[in-house]
Amino acid sequence: PDKGTEMCLYELSVDEGYRRRGIGRALTLALADEAKARGCYGMW
């Protein structure tokens, strides 16, 4: 009620064979973009 809406990044997972290719970063940024589009004031 006194803060508005924020996004909680609940879980992030990248298959072992695809790690260290920027997929986790891209997913995190995509979630942040979605949070912004939904009017969230932040993400944690």
PDB file of all heavy atoms in Angstrom:
ATOM      1  N   PRO A   1       0.788  -1.239   0.000  1.00  0.00           N
ATOM      2  CA  PRO A   1       0.000   0.000   0.000  1.00  0.00           C
ATOM      3  C   PRO A   1       0.819   1.287   0.000  1.00  0.00           C
ATOM      4  O   PRO A   1       0.395   2.287  -0.568  1.00  0.00           O
ATOM      5  CB  PRO A   1      -0.838  -0.098   1.274  1.00  0.00           C
ATOM      6  CG  PRO A   1      -0.930  -1.551   1.571  1.00  0.00           C
ATOM      7  CD  PRO A   1       0.362  -2.146   1.084  1.00  0.00           C
ATOM      8  N   ASP A   2       1.997   1.272   0.622  1.00  0.00           N
ATOM      9  CA  ASP A   2       2.753   2.529   0.687  1.00  0.00           C
ATOM     10  C   ASP A   2       3.961   2.553  -0.246  1.00  0.00           C
ATOM     11  O   ASP A   2       4.705   3.521  -0.255  1.00  0.00           O
ATOM     12  CB  ASP A   2       3.204   2.826   2.122  1.00  0.00           C
ATOM     13  CG  ASP A   2       4.274   1.874   2.623  1.00  0.00           C
ATOM     14  OD1 ASP A   2       4.359   0.748   2.108  1.00  0.00           O
ATOM     15  OD2 ASP A   2       5.027   2.267   3.520  1.00  0.00           O
ATOM     16  N   LYS A   3       4.153   1.497  -1.029  1.00  0.00           N
ATOM     17  CA  LYS A   3       5.314   1.457  -1.904  1.00  0.00           C
ATOM     18  C   LYS A   3       4.965   1.327  -3.376  1.00  0.00           C
ATOM     19  O   LYS A   3       5.760   1.690  -4.226  1.00  0.00           O
ATOM     20  CB  LYS A   3       6.227   0.301  -1.504  1.00  0.00           C
ATOM     21  CG  LYS A   3       6.865   0.482  -0.150  1.00  0.00           C
ATOM     22  CD  LYS A   3       7.669  -0.748   0.249  1.00  0.00           C
ATOM     23  CE  LYS A   3       8.221  -0.629   1.632  1.00  0.00           C
ATOM     24  NZ  LYS A   3       7.228  -0.599   2.683  1.00  0.00           N
ATOM     25  N   GLY A   4       3.838   0.770  -3.676  1.00  0.00           N
ATOM     26  CA  GLY A   4       3.509   0.484  -5.072  1.00  0.00           C
ATOM     27  C   GLY A   4       3.954  -0.922  -5.423  1.00  0.00           C
ATOM     28  O   GLY A   4       3.981  -1.811  -4.576  1.00  0.00           O
ATOM     29  N   THR A   5       4.342  -1.111  -6.675  1.00  0.00           N
ATOM     30  CA  THR A   5       4.654  -2.452  -7.180  1.00  0.00           C
ATOM     31  C   THR A   5       6.124  -2.563  -7.537  1.00  0.00           C
ATOM     32  O   THR A   5       6.682  -1.704  -8.208  1.00  0.00           O
ATOM     33  CB  THR A   5       3.801  -2.759  -8.431  1.00  0.00           C
ATOM     34  OG1 THR A   5       2.424  -2.585  -8.098  1.00  0.00           O
ATOM     35  CG2 THR A   5       4.016  -4.186  -8.909  1.00  0.00           C
ATOM     36  N   GLU A   6       6.732  -3.654  -7.081  1.00  0.00           N
ATOM     37  CA  GLU A   6       8.105  -3.971  -7.463  1.00  0.00           C
ATOM     38  C   GLU A   6       8.132  -5.403  -7.969  1.00  0.00           C
ATOM     39  O   GLU A   6       7.248  -6.201  -7.683  1.00  0.00           O
ATOM     40  CB  GLU A   6       9.078  -3.787  -6.299  1.00  0.00           C
ATOM     41  CG  GLU A   6       8.822  -4.697  -5.127  1.00  0.00           C
ATOM     42  CD  GLU A   6       9.756  -4.425  -3.948  1.00  0.00           C
ATOM     43  OE1 GLU A   6      10.875  -3.949  -4.167  1.00  0.00           O
ATOM     44  OE2 GLU A   6       9.351  -4.708  -2.818  1.00  0.00           O
ATOM     45  N   MET A   7       9.164  -5.719  -8.742  1.00  0.00           N
ATOM     46  CA  MET A   7       9.306  -7.063  -9.285  1.00  0.00           C
ATOM     47  C   MET A   7      10.356  -7.812  -8.473  1.00  0.00           C
ATOM     48  O   MET A   7      11.457  -7.309  -8.248  1.00  0.00           O
ATOM     49  CB  MET A   7       9.750  -7.000 -10.753  1.00  0.00           C
ATOM     50  CG  MET A   7       9.922  -8.350 -11.427  1.00  0.00           C
ATOM     51  SD  MET A   7       8.393  -9.295 -11.667  1.00  0.00           S
ATOM     52  CE  MET A   7       7.583  -8.322 -12.938  1.00  0.00           C
ATOM     53  N   CYS A   8      10.011  -9.009  -8.054  1.00  0.00           N
ATOM     54  CA  CYS A   8      10.961  -9.900  -7.402  1.00  0.00           C
ATOM     55  C   CYS A   8      11.427 -10.906  -8.457  1.00  0.00           C
ATOM     56  O   CYS A   8      10.608 -11.609  -9.050  1.00  0.00           O
ATOM     57  CB  CYS A   8      10.293 -10.640  -6.243  1.00  0.00           C
ATOM     58  SG  CYS A   8      11.280 -12.012  -5.594  1.00  0.00           S
ATOM     59  N   LEU A   9      12.730 -10.930  -8.722  1.00  0.00           N
ATOM     60  CA  LEU A   9      13.291 -11.974  -9.577  1.00  0.00           C
ATOM     61  C   LEU A   9      13.333 -13.218  -8.700  1.00  0.00           C
ATOM     62  O   LEU A   9      14.159 -13.322  -7.798  1.00  0.00           O
ATOM     63  CB  LEU A   9      14.683 -11.588 -10.070  1.00  0.00           C
ATOM     64  CG  LEU A   9      15.308 -12.496 -11.124  1.00  0.00           C
ATOM     65  CD1 LEU A   9      16.401 -11.763 -11.885  1.00  0.00           C
ATOM     66  CD2 LEU A   9      15.804 -13.806 -10.582  1.00  0.00           C
ATOM     67  N   TYR A  10      12.411 -14.121  -8.943  1.00  0.00           N
ATOM     68  CA  TYR A  10      12.244 -15.273  -8.062  1.00  0.00           C
ATOM     69  C   TYR A  10      13.285 -16.347  -8.325  1.00  0.00           C
ATOM     70  O   TYR A  10      13.850 -16.913  -7.395  1.00  0.00           O
ATOM     71  CB  TYR A  10      10.828 -15.825  -8.216  1.00  0.00           C
ATOM     72  CG  TYR A  10      10.507 -16.931  -7.246  1.00  0.00           C
ATOM     73  CD1 TYR A  10      10.283 -16.644  -5.902  1.00  0.00           C
ATOM     74  CD2 TYR A  10      10.439 -18.249  -7.658  1.00  0.00           C
ATOM     75  CE1 TYR A  10       9.999 -17.656  -5.001  1.00  0.00           C
ATOM     76  CE2 TYR A  10      10.161 -19.265  -6.763  1.00  0.00           C
ATOM     77  CZ  TYR A  10       9.939 -18.963  -5.435  1.00  0.00           C
ATOM     78  OH  TYR A  10       9.673 -19.964  -4.541  1.00  0.00           O
ATOM     79  N   GLU A  11      13.513 -16.653  -9.598  1.00  0.00           N
ATOM     80  CA  GLU A  11      14.477 -17.698  -9.914  1.00  0.00           C
ATOM     81  C   GLU A  11      15.037 -17.497 -11.308  1.00  0.00           C
ATOM     82  O   GLU A  11      14.322 -17.106 -12.223  1.00  0.00           O
ATOM     83  CB  GLU A  11      13.813 -19.079  -9.821  1.00  0.00           C
ATOM     84  CG  GLU A  11      14.784 -20.215  -9.874  1.00  0.00           C
ATOM     85  CD  GLU A  11      14.179 -21.540  -9.412  1.00  0.00           C
ATOM     86  OE1 GLU A  11      13.147 -21.531  -8.715  1.00  0.00           O
ATOM     87  OE2 GLU A  11      14.757 -22.573  -9.751  1.00  0.00           O
ATOM     88  N   LEU A  12      16.319 -17.758 -11.453  1.00  0.00           N
ATOM     89  CA  LEU A  12      17.022 -17.689 -12.734  1.00  0.00           C
ATOM     90  C   LEU A  12      17.788 -18.983 -12.906  1.00  0.00           C
ATOM     91  O   LEU A  12      18.457 -19.442 -11.976  1.00  0.00           O
ATOM     92  CB  LEU A  12      17.992 -16.502 -12.755  1.00  0.00           C
ATOM     93  CG  LEU A  12      18.912 -16.381 -13.970  1.00  0.00           C
ATOM     94  CD1 LEU A  12      18.108 -16.020 -15.221  1.00  0.00           C
ATOM     95  CD2 LEU A  12      19.985 -15.334 -13.711  1.00  0.00           C
ATOM     96  N   SER A  13      17.695 -19.580 -14.086  1.00  0.00           N
ATOM     97  CA  SER A  13      18.404 -20.826 -14.347  1.00  0.00           C
ATOM     98  C   SER A  13      18.831 -20.856 -15.806  1.00  0.00           C
ATOM     99  O   SER A  13      18.054 -20.509 -16.696  1.00  0.00           O
ATOM    100  CB  SER A  13      17.499 -22.028 -14.053  1.00  0.00           C
ATOM    101  OG  SER A  13      18.122 -23.237 -14.433  1.00  0.00           O
ATOM    102  N   VAL A  14      20.068 -21.283 -16.039  1.00  0.00           N
ATOM    103  CA  VAL A  14      20.569 -21.494 -17.396  1.00  0.00           C
ATOM    104  C   VAL A  14      21.132 -22.912 -17.444  1.00  0.00           C
ATOM    105  O   VAL A  14      21.907 -23.313 -16.570  1.00  0.00           O
ATOM    106  CB  VAL A  14      21.656 -20.458 -17.774  1.00  0.00           C
ATOM    107  CG1 VAL A  14      22.221 -20.755 -19.166  1.00  0.00           C
ATOM    108  CG2 VAL A  14      21.085 -19.044 -17.723  1.00  0.00           C
ATOM    109  N   ASP A  15      20.718 -23.658 -18.457  1.00  0.00           N
ATOM    110  CA  ASP A  15      21.204 -25.017 -18.638  1.00  0.00           C
ATOM    111  C   ASP A  15      22.731 -25.004 -18.691  1.00  0.00           C
ATOM    112  O   ASP A  15      23.338 -24.132 -19.307  1.00  0.00           O
ATOM    113  CB  ASP A  15      20.630 -25.595 -19.935  1.00  0.00           C
ATOM    114  CG  ASP A  15      21.050 -27.028 -20.161  1.00  0.00           C
ATOM    115  OD1 ASP A  15      20.351 -27.939 -19.697  1.00  0.00           O
ATOM    116  OD2 ASP A  15      22.096 -27.223 -20.824  1.00  0.00           O
ATOM    117  N   GLU A  16      23.338 -25.990 -18.047  1.00  0.00           N
ATOM    118  CA  GLU A  16      24.795 -26.030 -17.943  1.00  0.00           C
ATOM    119  C   GLU A  16      25.501 -25.914 -19.298  1.00  0.00           C
ATOM    120  O   GLU A  16      26.520 -25.241 -19.426  1.00  0.00           O
ATOM    121  CB  GLU A  16      25.223 -27.321 -17.238  1.00  0.00           C
ATOM    122  CG  GLU A  16      26.667 -27.312 -16.825  1.00  0.00           C
ATOM    123  CD  GLU A  16      27.025 -28.485 -15.932  1.00  0.00           C
ATOM    124  OE1 GLU A  16      26.154 -28.966 -15.181  1.00  0.00           O
ATOM    125  OE2 GLU A  16      28.183 -28.917 -16.010  1.00  0.00           O
ATOM    126  N   GLY A  17      24.953 -26.519 -20.324  1.00  0.00           N
ATOM    127  CA  GLY A  17      25.571 -26.476 -21.649  1.00  0.00           C
ATOM    128  C   GLY A  17      25.492 -25.123 -22.332  1.00  0.00           C
ATOM    129  O   GLY A  17      26.143 -24.910 -23.365  1.00  0.00           O
ATOM    130  N   TYR A  18      24.714 -24.192 -21.768  1.00  0.00           N
ATOM    131  CA  TYR A  18      24.535 -22.872 -22.381  1.00  0.00           C
ATOM    132  C   TYR A  18      25.082 -21.739 -21.509  1.00  0.00           C
ATOM    133  O   TYR A  18      24.877 -20.567 -21.817  1.00  0.00           O
ATOM    134  CB  TYR A  18      23.055 -22.623 -22.653  1.00  0.00           C
ATOM    135  CG  TYR A  18      22.484 -23.533 -23.712  1.00  0.00           C
ATOM    136  CD1 TYR A  18      21.822 -24.703 -23.367  1.00  0.00           C
ATOM    137  CD2 TYR A  18      22.613 -23.223 -25.062  1.00  0.00           C
ATOM    138  CE1 TYR A  18      21.301 -25.542 -24.328  1.00  0.00           C
ATOM    139  CE2 TYR A  18      22.089 -24.055 -26.034  1.00  0.00           C
ATOM    140  CZ  TYR A  18      21.440 -25.218 -25.664  1.00  0.00           C
ATOM    141  OH  TYR A  18      20.929 -26.044 -26.632  1.00  0.00           O
ATOM    142  N   ARG A  19      25.773 -22.077 -20.443  1.00  0.00           N
ATOM    143  CA  ARG A  19      26.266 -21.041 -19.536  1.00  0.00           C
ATOM    144  C   ARG A  19      27.434 -20.267 -20.132  1.00  0.00           C
ATOM    145  O   ARG A  19      28.106 -20.728 -21.033  1.00  0.00           O
ATOM    146  CB  ARG A  19      26.665 -21.671 -18.192  1.00  0.00           C
ATOM    147  CG  ARG A  19      25.440 -22.172 -17.451  1.00  0.00           C
ATOM    148  CD  ARG A  19      25.769 -22.736 -16.104  1.00  0.00           C
ATOM    149  NE  ARG A  19      24.533 -23.236 -15.500  1.00  0.00           N
ATOM    150  CZ  ARG A  19      24.495 -24.103 -14.523  1.00  0.00           C
ATOM    151  NH1 ARG A  19      25.614 -24.545 -13.992  1.00  0.00           N
ATOM    152  NH2 ARG A  19      23.336 -24.511 -14.051  1.00  0.00           N
ATOM    153  N   ARG A  20      27.641 -19.060 -19.585  1.00  0.00           N
ATOM    154  CA  ARG A  20      28.729 -18.158 -19.972  1.00  0.00           C
ATOM    155  C   ARG A  20      28.591 -17.658 -21.408  1.00  0.00           C
ATOM    156  O   ARG A  20      29.571 -17.409 -22.095  1.00  0.00           O
ATOM    157  CB  ARG A  20      30.090 -18.800 -19.729  1.00  0.00           C
ATOM    158  CG  ARG A  20      30.271 -19.214 -18.266  1.00  0.00           C
ATOM    159  CD  ARG A  20      31.671 -19.476 -17.836  1.00  0.00           C
ATOM    160  NE  ARG A  20      32.619 -18.426 -18.144  1.00  0.00           N
ATOM    161  CZ  ARG A  20      32.797 -17.291 -17.461  1.00  0.00           C
ATOM    162  NH1 ARG A  20      32.065 -17.043 -16.417  1.00  0.00           N
ATOM    163  NH2 ARG A  20      33.707 -16.425 -17.821  1.00  0.00           N
ATOM    164  N   ARG A  21      27.330 -17.510 -21.838  1.00  0.00           N
ATOM    165  CA  ARG A  21      27.044 -16.979 -23.174  1.00  0.00           C
ATOM    166  C   ARG A  21      26.158 -15.737 -23.109  1.00  0.00           C
ATOM    167  O   ARG A  21      25.680 -15.267 -24.126  1.00  0.00           O
ATOM    168  CB  ARG A  21      26.352 -18.036 -24.026  1.00  0.00           C
ATOM    169  CG  ARG A  21      27.173 -19.268 -24.264  1.00  0.00           C
ATOM    170  CD  ARG A  21      26.449 -20.199 -25.190  1.00  0.00           C
ATOM    171  NE  ARG A  21      27.107 -21.484 -25.289  1.00  0.00           N
ATOM    172  CZ  ARG A  21      26.730 -22.430 -26.120  1.00  0.00           C
ATOM    173  NH1 ARG A  21      25.702 -22.245 -26.921  1.00  0.00           N
ATOM    174  NH2 ARG A  21      27.366 -23.571 -26.157  1.00  0.00           N
ATOM    175  N   GLY A  22      25.879 -15.247 -21.901  1.00  0.00           N
ATOM    176  CA  GLY A  22      25.058 -14.051 -21.764  1.00  0.00           C
ATOM    177  C   GLY A  22      23.564 -14.313 -21.646  1.00  0.00           C
ATOM    178  O   GLY A  22      22.770 -13.375 -21.626  1.00  0.00           O
ATOM    179  N   ILE A  23      23.173 -15.560 -21.553  1.00  0.00           N
ATOM    180  CA  ILE A  23      21.746 -15.893 -21.483  1.00  0.00           C
ATOM    181  C   ILE A  23      21.144 -15.425 -20.163  1.00  0.00           C
ATOM    182  O   ILE A  23      20.065 -14.844 -20.139  1.00  0.00           O
ATOM    183  CB  ILE A  23      21.523 -17.396 -21.719  1.00  0.00           C
ATOM    184  CG1 ILE A  23      21.898 -17.743 -23.170  1.00  0.00           C
ATOM    185  CG2 ILE A  23      20.077 -17.798 -21.417  1.00  0.00           C
ATOM    186  CD1 ILE A  23      21.908 -19.225 -23.478  1.00  0.00           C
ATOM    187  N   GLY A  24      21.835 -15.661 -19.054  1.00  0.00           N
ATOM    188  CA  GLY A  24      21.327 -15.209 -17.751  1.00  0.00           C
ATOM    189  C   GLY A  24      21.173 -13.700 -17.708  1.00  0.00           C
ATOM    190  O   GLY A  24      20.172 -13.179 -17.215  1.00  0.00           O
ATOM    191  N   ARG A  25      22.165 -12.987 -18.225  1.00  0.00           N
ATOM    192  CA  ARG A  25      22.102 -11.517 -18.278  1.00  0.00           C
ATOM    193  C   ARG A  25      20.929 -11.073 -19.144  1.00  0.00           C
ATOM    194  O   ARG A  25      20.161 -10.186 -18.759  1.00  0.00           O
ATOM    195  CB  ARG A  25      23.413 -10.965 -18.836  1.00  0.00           C
ATOM    196  CG  ARG A  25      23.432  -9.461 -18.963  1.00  0.00           C
ATOM    197  CD  ARG A  25      24.796  -8.997 -19.539  1.00  0.00           C
ATOM    198  NE  ARG A  25      24.833  -7.567 -19.685  1.00  0.00           N
ATOM    199  CZ  ARG A  25      24.410  -6.908 -20.756  1.00  0.00           C
ATOM    200  NH1 ARG A  25      23.911  -7.561 -21.792  1.00  0.00           N
ATOM    201  NH2 ARG A  25      24.475  -5.588 -20.802  1.00  0.00           N
ATOM    202  N   ALA A  26      20.770 -11.690 -20.310  1.00  0.00           N
ATOM    203  CA  ALA A  26      19.677 -11.318 -21.215  1.00  0.00           C
ATOM    204  C   ALA A  26      18.312 -11.583 -20.568  1.00  0.00           C
ATOM    205  O   ALA A  26      17.391 -10.768 -20.700  1.00  0.00           O
ATOM    206  CB  ALA A  26      19.800 -12.081 -22.535  1.00  0.00           C
ATOM    207  N   LEU A  27      18.172 -12.702 -19.868  1.00  0.00           N
ATOM    208  CA  LEU A  27      16.910 -13.001 -19.191  1.00  0.00           C
ATOM    209  C   LEU A  27      16.628 -11.995 -18.083  1.00  0.00           C
ATOM    210  O   LEU A  27      15.501 -11.530 -17.917  1.00  0.00           O
ATOM    211  CB  LEU A  27      16.936 -14.425 -18.623  1.00  0.00           C
ATOM    212  CG  LEU A  27      16.722 -15.543 -19.633  1.00  0.00           C
ATOM    213  CD1 LEU A  27      17.178 -16.877 -19.057  1.00  0.00           C
ATOM    214  CD2 LEU A  27      15.267 -15.601 -20.076  1.00  0.00           C
ATOM    215  N   THR A  28      17.669 -11.643 -17.322  1.00  0.00           N
ATOM    216  CA  THR A  28      17.508 -10.668 -16.241  1.00  0.00           C
ATOM    217  C   THR A  28      17.085  -9.316 -16.800  1.00  0.00           C
ATOM    218  O   THR A  28      16.165  -8.674 -16.280  1.00  0.00           O
ATOM    219  CB  THR A  28      18.817 -10.542 -15.440  1.00  0.00           C
ATOM    220  OG1 THR A  28      19.156 -11.834 -14.900  1.00  0.00           O
ATOM    221  CG2 THR A  28      18.689  -9.551 -14.312  1.00  0.00           C
ATOM    222  N   LEU A  29      17.721  -8.886 -17.882  1.00  0.00           N
ATOM    223  CA  LEU A  29      17.359  -7.606 -18.506  1.00  0.00           C
ATOM    224  C   LEU A  29      15.953  -7.656 -19.104  1.00  0.00           C
ATOM    225  O   LEU A  29      15.215  -6.665 -19.042  1.00  0.00           O
ATOM    226  CB  LEU A  29      18.387  -7.226 -19.562  1.00  0.00           C
ATOM    227  CG  LEU A  29      19.767  -6.852 -19.012  1.00  0.00           C
ATOM    228  CD1 LEU A  29      20.782  -6.725 -20.142  1.00  0.00           C
ATOM    229  CD2 LEU A  29      19.691  -5.571 -18.189  1.00  0.00           C
ATOM    230  N   ALA A  30      15.575  -8.803 -19.668  1.00  0.00           N
ATOM    231  CA  ALA A  30      14.217  -8.941 -20.222  1.00  0.00           C
ATOM    232  C   ALA A  30      13.174  -8.840 -19.109  1.00  0.00           C
ATOM    233  O   ALA A  30      12.115  -8.226 -19.293  1.00  0.00           O
ATOM    234  CB  ALA A  30      14.080 -10.272 -20.970  1.00  0.00           C
ATOM    235  N   LEU A  31      13.462  -9.423 -17.945  1.00  0.00           N
ATOM    236  CA  LEU A  31      12.536  -9.308 -16.815  1.00  0.00           C
ATOM    237  C   LEU A  31      12.470  -7.862 -16.331  1.00  0.00           C
ATOM    238  O   LEU A  31      11.389  -7.359 -16.022  1.00  0.00           O
ATOM    239  CB  LEU A  31      12.947 -10.247 -15.680  1.00  0.00           C
ATOM    240  CG  LEU A  31      11.999 -10.264 -14.485  1.00  0.00           C
ATOM    241  CD1 LEU A  31      10.604 -10.772 -14.878  1.00  0.00           C
ATOM    242  CD2 LEU A  31      12.574 -11.113 -13.356  1.00  0.00           C
ATOM    243  N   ALA A  32      13.616  -7.185 -16.289  1.00  0.00           N
ATOM    244  CA  ALA A  32      13.627  -5.773 -15.886  1.00  0.00           C
ATOM    245  C   ALA A  32      12.819  -4.925 -16.868  1.00  0.00           C
ATOM    246  O   ALA A  32      12.072  -4.028 -16.451  1.00  0.00           O
ATOM    247  CB  ALA A  32      15.059  -5.264 -15.785  1.00  0.00           C
ATOM    248  N   ASP A  33      12.930  -5.211 -18.150  1.00  0.00           N
ATOM    249  CA  ASP A  33      12.131  -4.490 -19.152  1.00  0.00           C
ATOM    250  C   ASP A  33      10.645  -4.730 -18.930  1.00  0.00           C
ATOM    251  O   ASP A  33       9.827  -3.810 -19.032  1.00  0.00           O
ATOM    252  CB  ASP A  33      12.518  -4.924 -20.569  1.00  0.00           C
ATOM    253  CG  ASP A  33      13.873  -4.392 -21.009  1.00  0.00           C
ATOM    254  OD1 ASP A  33      14.407  -3.466 -20.365  1.00  0.00           O
ATOM    255  OD2 ASP A  33      14.399  -4.924 -22.010  1.00  0.00           O
ATOM    256  N   GLU A  34      10.290  -5.968 -18.641  1.00  0.00           N
ATOM    257  CA  GLU A  34       8.883  -6.306 -18.376  1.00  0.00           C
ATOM    258  C   GLU A  34       8.406  -5.595 -17.117  1.00  0.00           C
ATOM    259  O   GLU A  34       7.288  -5.081 -17.072  1.00  0.00           O
ATOM    260  CB  GLU A  34       8.719  -7.823 -18.233  1.00  0.00           C
ATOM    261  CG  GLU A  34       7.299  -8.275 -18.011  1.00  0.00           C
ATOM    262  CD  GLU A  34       6.360  -8.029 -19.184  1.00  0.00           C
ATOM    263  OE1 GLU A  34       6.819  -8.028 -20.332  1.00  0.00           O
ATOM    264  OE2 GLU A  34       5.140  -7.848 -18.928  1.00  0.00           O
ATOM    265  N   ALA A  35       9.246  -5.551 -16.088  1.00  0.00           N
ATOM    266  CA  ALA A  35       8.884  -4.853 -14.851  1.00  0.00           C
ATOM    267  C   ALA A  35       8.616  -3.372 -15.131  1.00  0.00           C
ATOM    268  O   ALA A  35       7.638  -2.806 -14.641  1.00  0.00           O
ATOM    269  CB  ALA A  35       9.991  -5.010 -13.810  1.00  0.00           C
ATOM    270  N   LYS A  36       9.481  -2.766 -15.915  1.00  0.00           N
ATOM    271  CA  LYS A  36       9.301  -1.356 -16.268  1.00  0.00           C
ATOM    272  C   LYS A  36       8.000  -1.150 -17.046  1.00  0.00           C
ATOM    273  O   LYS A  36       7.234  -0.225 -16.759  1.00  0.00           O
ATOM    274  CB  LYS A  36      10.492  -0.866 -17.087  1.00  0.00           C
ATOM    275  CG  LYS A  36      10.435   0.602 -17.411  1.00  0.00           C
ATOM    276  CD  LYS A  36      11.676   1.059 -18.146  1.00  0.00           C
ATOM    277  CE  LYS A  36      11.589   2.545 -18.430  1.00  0.00           C
ATOM    278  NZ  LYS A  36      12.778   3.030 -19.152  1.00  0.00           N
ATOM    279  N   ALA A  37       7.741  -2.034 -18.002  1.00  0.00           N
ATOM    280  CA  ALA A  37       6.511  -1.935 -18.800  1.00  0.00           C
ATOM    281  C   ALA A  37       5.266  -2.091 -17.934  1.00  0.00           C
ATOM    282  O   ALA A  37       4.218  -1.516 -18.242  1.00  0.00           O
ATOM    283  CB  ALA A  37       6.518  -2.995 -19.907  1.00  0.00           C
ATOM    284  N   ARG A  38       5.373  -2.828 -16.842  1.00  0.00           N
ATOM    285  CA  ARG A  38       4.242  -3.044 -15.939  1.00  0.00           C
ATOM    286  C   ARG A  38       4.116  -1.938 -14.888  1.00  0.00           C
ATOM    287  O   ARG A  38       3.248  -1.992 -14.042  1.00  0.00           O
ATOM    288  CB  ARG A  38       4.393  -4.394 -15.237  1.00  0.00           C
ATOM    289  CG  ARG A  38       4.221  -5.572 -16.160  1.00  0.00           C
ATOM    290  CD  ARG A  38       4.599  -6.858 -15.456  1.00  0.00           C
ATOM    291  NE  ARG A  38       4.333  -7.999 -16.303  1.00  0.00           N
ATOM    292  CZ  ARG A  38       3.618  -9.056 -15.939  1.00  0.00           C
ATOM    293  NH1 ARG A  38       3.098  -9.124 -14.733  1.00  0.00           N
ATOM    294  NH2 ARG A  38       3.431 -10.044 -16.779  1.00  0.00           N
ATOM    295  N   GLY A  39       5.029  -0.977 -14.909  1.00  0.00           N
ATOM    296  CA  GLY A  39       4.960   0.133 -13.968  1.00  0.00           C
ATOM    297  C   GLY A  39       5.623  -0.120 -12.628  1.00  0.00           C
ATOM    298  O   GLY A  39       5.386   0.626 -11.667  1.00  0.00           O
ATOM    299  N   CYS A  40       6.461  -1.132 -12.532  1.00  0.00           N
ATOM    300  CA  CYS A  40       7.163  -1.405 -11.277  1.00  0.00           C
ATOM    301  C   CYS A  40       8.186  -0.303 -11.012  1.00  0.00           C
ATOM    302  O   CYS A  40       8.818   0.198 -11.935  1.00  0.00           O
ATOM    303  CB  CYS A  40       7.882  -2.755 -11.344  1.00  0.00           C
ATOM    304  SG  CYS A  40       6.775  -4.186 -11.481  1.00  0.00           S
ATOM    305  N   TYR A  41       8.367   0.042  -9.752  1.00  0.00           N
ATOM    306  CA  TYR A  41       9.336   1.078  -9.397  1.00  0.00           C
ATOM    307  C   TYR A  41      10.738   0.514  -9.242  1.00  0.00           C
ATOM    308  O   TYR A  41      11.721   1.254  -9.210  1.00  0.00           O
ATOM    309  CB  TYR A  41       8.926   1.830  -8.133  1.00  0.00           C
ATOM    310  CG  TYR A  41       8.997   1.032  -6.851  1.00  0.00           C
ATOM    311  CD1 TYR A  41      10.186   0.933  -6.141  1.00  0.00           C
ATOM    312  CD2 TYR A  41       7.877   0.383  -6.351  1.00  0.00           C
ATOM    313  CE1 TYR A  41      10.255   0.201  -4.965  1.00  0.00           C
ATOM    314  CE2 TYR A  41       7.936  -0.350  -5.182  1.00  0.00           C
ATOM    315  CZ  TYR A  41       9.124  -0.436  -4.494  1.00  0.00           C
ATOM    316  OH  TYR A  41       9.193  -1.167  -3.332  1.00  0.00           O
ATOM    317  N   GLY A  42      10.874  -0.806  -9.145  1.00  0.00           N
ATOM    318  CA  GLY A  42      12.176  -1.432  -8.998  1.00  0.00           C
ATOM    319  C   GLY A  42      12.075  -2.935  -9.123  1.00  0.00           C
ATOM    320  O   GLY A  42      10.976  -3.488  -9.269  1.00  0.00           O
ATOM    321  N   MET A  43      13.233  -3.574  -9.075  1.00  0.00           N
ATOM    322  CA  MET A  43      13.294  -5.030  -9.138  1.00  0.00           C
ATOM    323  C   MET A  43      14.394  -5.469  -8.176  1.00  0.00           C
ATOM    324  O   MET A  43      15.411  -4.786  -8.030  1.00  0.00           O
ATOM    325  CB  MET A  43      13.639  -5.484 -10.561  1.00  0.00           C
ATOM    326  CG  MET A  43      13.622  -6.980 -10.748  1.00  0.00           C
ATOM    327  SD  MET A  43      13.696  -7.475 -12.498  1.00  0.00           S
ATOM    328  CE  MET A  43      15.462  -7.613 -12.729  1.00  0.00           C
ATOM    329  N   TRP A  44      14.188  -6.598  -7.516  1.00  0.00           N
ATOM    330  CA  TRP A  44      15.181  -7.096  -6.567  1.00  0.00           C
ATOM    331  C   TRP A  44      15.277  -8.614  -6.633  1.00  0.00           C
ATOM    332  O   TRP A  44      14.390  -9.281  -7.162  1.00  0.00           O
ATOM    333  CB  TRP A  44      14.859  -6.637  -5.145  1.00  0.00           C
ATOM    334  CG  TRP A  44      13.591  -7.217  -4.589  1.00  0.00           C
ATOM    335  CD1 TRP A  44      12.318  -6.756  -4.791  1.00  0.00           C
ATOM    336  CD2 TRP A  44      13.471  -8.374  -3.772  1.00  0.00           C
ATOM    337  NE1 TRP A  44      11.418  -7.565  -4.133  1.00  0.00           N
ATOM    338  CE2 TRP A  44      12.107  -8.561  -3.500  1.00  0.00           C
ATOM    339  CE3 TRP A  44      14.393  -9.267  -3.237  1.00  0.00           C
ATOM    340  CZ2 TRP A  44      11.635  -9.610  -2.723  1.00  0.00           C
ATOM    341  CZ3 TRP A  44      13.921 -10.312  -2.450  1.00  0.00           C
ATOM    342  CH2 TRP A  44      12.560 -10.468  -2.198  1.00  0.00           C
TER     343      TRP A  44
END
